[in-house]
Amino acid sequence: MKGFNGDIDVADNLKAELLALLVGLQLAWRCHYKDVLCILDSLHAVQLVHDQHDHCHKYVAIIVGIKKCLAKPWKIEIRHSIR
C-alpha cells in the first residue's frame, strides 16, 4: 500500500477530489497494481468519472486524465461511500 500528500492550493472540494483520484490512479499504475478499488465520498466526482457527456465541464482535463487511467489494462472500481 502506498500513499501521497501535497498542497494543491485548491479551494474547490470537487477539484481536490478529482485531483486526488487522478494522482492516486497514477501512483497505483506506477506501482504495478492490477486490481484497484477507489472509494470517494463525493458522489458528484463519481458521477463525473462515469458520465459520457463531460466534455463541457470546467475540470474536463482532470476528468479526461482519470478516464485515460481507467482505460489501461487493469481492473479499477470507483465507488461512492458516505463519510
C-alpha atoms as a PDB file:
ATOM      1  CA  MET A   1       0.000   0.000   0.000  1.00  0.00           C
ATOM      2  CA  LYS A   2       1.207   3.486  -0.877  1.00  0.00           C
ATOM      3  CA  GLY A   3       0.039   6.966  -0.098  1.00  0.00           C
ATOM      4  CA  PHE A   4       0.682  10.540  -1.053  1.00  0.00           C
ATOM      5  CA  ASN A   5       0.120  14.037   0.199  1.00  0.00           C
ATOM      6  CA  GLY A   6       0.691  17.541  -1.004  1.00  0.00           C
ATOM      7  CA  ASP A   7      -0.548  21.081  -1.191  1.00  0.00           C
ATOM      8  CA  ILE A   8      -2.572  21.620  -4.340  1.00  0.00           C
ATOM      9  CA  ASP A   9      -3.727  25.116  -3.350  1.00  0.00           C
ATOM     10  CA  VAL A  10      -7.319  24.361  -4.327  1.00  0.00           C
ATOM     11  CA  ALA A  11     -10.333  25.904  -2.624  1.00  0.00           C
ATOM     12  CA  ASP A  12     -12.828  23.739  -4.530  1.00  0.00           C
ATOM     13  CA  ASN A  13     -13.665  20.379  -2.926  1.00  0.00           C
ATOM     14  CA  LEU A  14     -14.658  18.768  -6.226  1.00  0.00           C
ATOM     15  CA  LYS A  15     -11.383  19.700  -7.896  1.00  0.00           C
ATOM     16  CA  ALA A  16      -9.440  18.416  -4.898  1.00  0.00           C
ATOM     17  CA  GLU A  17     -11.341  15.102  -5.009  1.00  0.00           C
ATOM     18  CA  LEU A  18     -10.762  14.673  -8.754  1.00  0.00           C
ATOM     19  CA  LEU A  19      -7.058  15.546  -8.473  1.00  0.00           C
ATOM     20  CA  ALA A  20      -6.637  13.100  -5.581  1.00  0.00           C
ATOM     21  CA  LEU A  21      -8.248  10.365  -7.662  1.00  0.00           C
ATOM     22  CA  LEU A  22      -6.042  11.132 -10.673  1.00  0.00           C
ATOM     23  CA  VAL A  23      -2.817  11.205  -8.658  1.00  0.00           C
ATOM     24  CA  GLY A  24      -3.829   8.057  -6.778  1.00  0.00           C
ATOM     25  CA  LEU A  25      -4.535   6.176 -10.002  1.00  0.00           C
ATOM     26  CA  GLN A  26      -1.224   7.315 -11.491  1.00  0.00           C
ATOM     27  CA  LEU A  27       0.595   6.137  -8.370  1.00  0.00           C
ATOM     28  CA  ALA A  28      -1.202   2.767  -8.434  1.00  0.00           C
ATOM     29  CA  TRP A  29      -0.250   2.292 -12.102  1.00  0.00           C
ATOM     30  CA  ARG A  30       3.427   3.118 -11.427  1.00  0.00           C
ATOM     31  CA  CYS A  31       3.359   0.586  -8.567  1.00  0.00           C
ATOM     32  CA  HIS A  32       2.013  -2.069 -10.978  1.00  0.00           C
ATOM     33  CA  TYR A  33      -1.218  -2.634  -9.066  1.00  0.00           C
ATOM     34  CA  LYS A  34      -3.681  -4.516 -11.257  1.00  0.00           C
ATOM     35  CA  ASP A  35      -6.810  -4.578  -9.086  1.00  0.00           C
ATOM     36  CA  VAL A  36      -7.759  -1.225  -7.543  1.00  0.00           C
ATOM     37  CA  LEU A  37     -10.787  -0.102  -5.565  1.00  0.00           C
ATOM     38  CA  CYS A  38     -11.290   3.659  -5.158  1.00  0.00           C
ATOM     39  CA  ILE A  39     -13.872   4.847  -2.662  1.00  0.00           C
ATOM     40  CA  LEU A  40     -14.831   8.506  -2.885  1.00  0.00           C
ATOM     41  CA  ASP A  41     -17.070  10.490  -0.565  1.00  0.00           C
ATOM     42  CA  SER A  42     -18.016  12.819  -3.427  1.00  0.00           C
ATOM     43  CA  LEU A  43     -20.951  11.427  -5.372  1.00  0.00           C
ATOM     44  CA  HIS A  44     -20.536  14.259  -7.881  1.00  0.00           C
ATOM     45  CA  ALA A  45     -16.937  13.186  -8.613  1.00  0.00           C
ATOM     46  CA  VAL A  46     -18.000   9.562  -9.092  1.00  0.00           C
ATOM     47  CA  GLN A  47     -20.773  10.637 -11.453  1.00  0.00           C
ATOM     48  CA  LEU A  48     -18.402  12.827 -13.493  1.00  0.00           C
ATOM     49  CA  VAL A  49     -15.948   9.954 -13.909  1.00  0.00           C
ATOM     50  CA  HIS A  50     -18.698   7.627 -15.132  1.00  0.00           C
ATOM     51  CA  ASP A  51     -20.501  10.246 -17.260  1.00  0.00           C
ATOM     52  CA  GLN A  52     -20.069  10.146 -21.039  1.00  0.00           C
ATOM     53  CA  HIS A  53     -21.075  13.794 -21.525  1.00  0.00           C
ATOM     54  CA  ASP A  54     -18.451  15.647 -19.501  1.00  0.00           C
ATOM     55  CA  HIS A  55     -16.717  17.486 -22.354  1.00  0.00           C
ATOM     56  CA  CYS A  56     -18.081  20.864 -21.215  1.00  0.00           C
ATOM     57  CA  HIS A  57     -17.179  20.549 -17.533  1.00  0.00           C
ATOM     58  CA  LYS A  58     -14.684  23.069 -16.148  1.00  0.00           C
ATOM     59  CA  TYR A  59     -12.472  20.195 -14.928  1.00  0.00           C
ATOM     60  CA  VAL A  60     -12.546  18.313 -18.223  1.00  0.00           C
ATOM     61  CA  ALA A  61      -8.738  17.995 -18.347  1.00  0.00           C
ATOM     62  CA  ILE A  62      -8.646  16.212 -14.985  1.00  0.00           C
ATOM     63  CA  ILE A  63     -11.631  14.026 -15.884  1.00  0.00           C
ATOM     64  CA  VAL A  64     -10.039  13.031 -19.204  1.00  0.00           C
ATOM     65  CA  GLY A  65      -6.831  12.139 -17.344  1.00  0.00           C
ATOM     66  CA  ILE A  66      -8.813   9.902 -14.990  1.00  0.00           C
ATOM     67  CA  LYS A  67     -10.602   8.240 -17.898  1.00  0.00           C
ATOM     68  CA  LYS A  68      -7.262   7.562 -19.603  1.00  0.00           C
ATOM     69  CA  CYS A  69      -6.123   5.820 -16.432  1.00  0.00           C
ATOM     70  CA  LEU A  70      -9.350   3.796 -16.351  1.00  0.00           C
ATOM     71  CA  ALA A  71      -8.781   2.670 -19.952  1.00  0.00           C
ATOM     72  CA  LYS A  72      -5.472   0.989 -19.102  1.00  0.00           C
ATOM     73  CA  PRO A  73      -5.307  -2.815 -18.840  1.00  0.00           C
ATOM     74  CA  TRP A  74      -6.182  -3.236 -15.172  1.00  0.00           C
ATOM     75  CA  LYS A  75      -9.268  -3.652 -13.020  1.00  0.00           C
ATOM     76  CA  ILE A  76     -10.486  -0.462 -11.359  1.00  0.00           C
ATOM     77  CA  GLU A  77     -13.704   0.059  -9.486  1.00  0.00           C
ATOM     78  CA  ILE A  78     -14.780   3.521  -8.362  1.00  0.00           C
ATOM     79  CA  ARG A  79     -17.476   3.647  -5.697  1.00  0.00           C
ATOM     80  CA  HIS A  80     -19.212   6.256  -3.631  1.00  0.00           C
ATOM     81  CA  SER A  81     -19.375   5.996   0.132  1.00  0.00           C
ATOM     82  CA  ILE A  82     -20.951   8.330   2.625  1.00  0.00           C
ATOM     83  CA  ARG A  83     -18.398   9.748   5.023  1.00  0.00           C
END
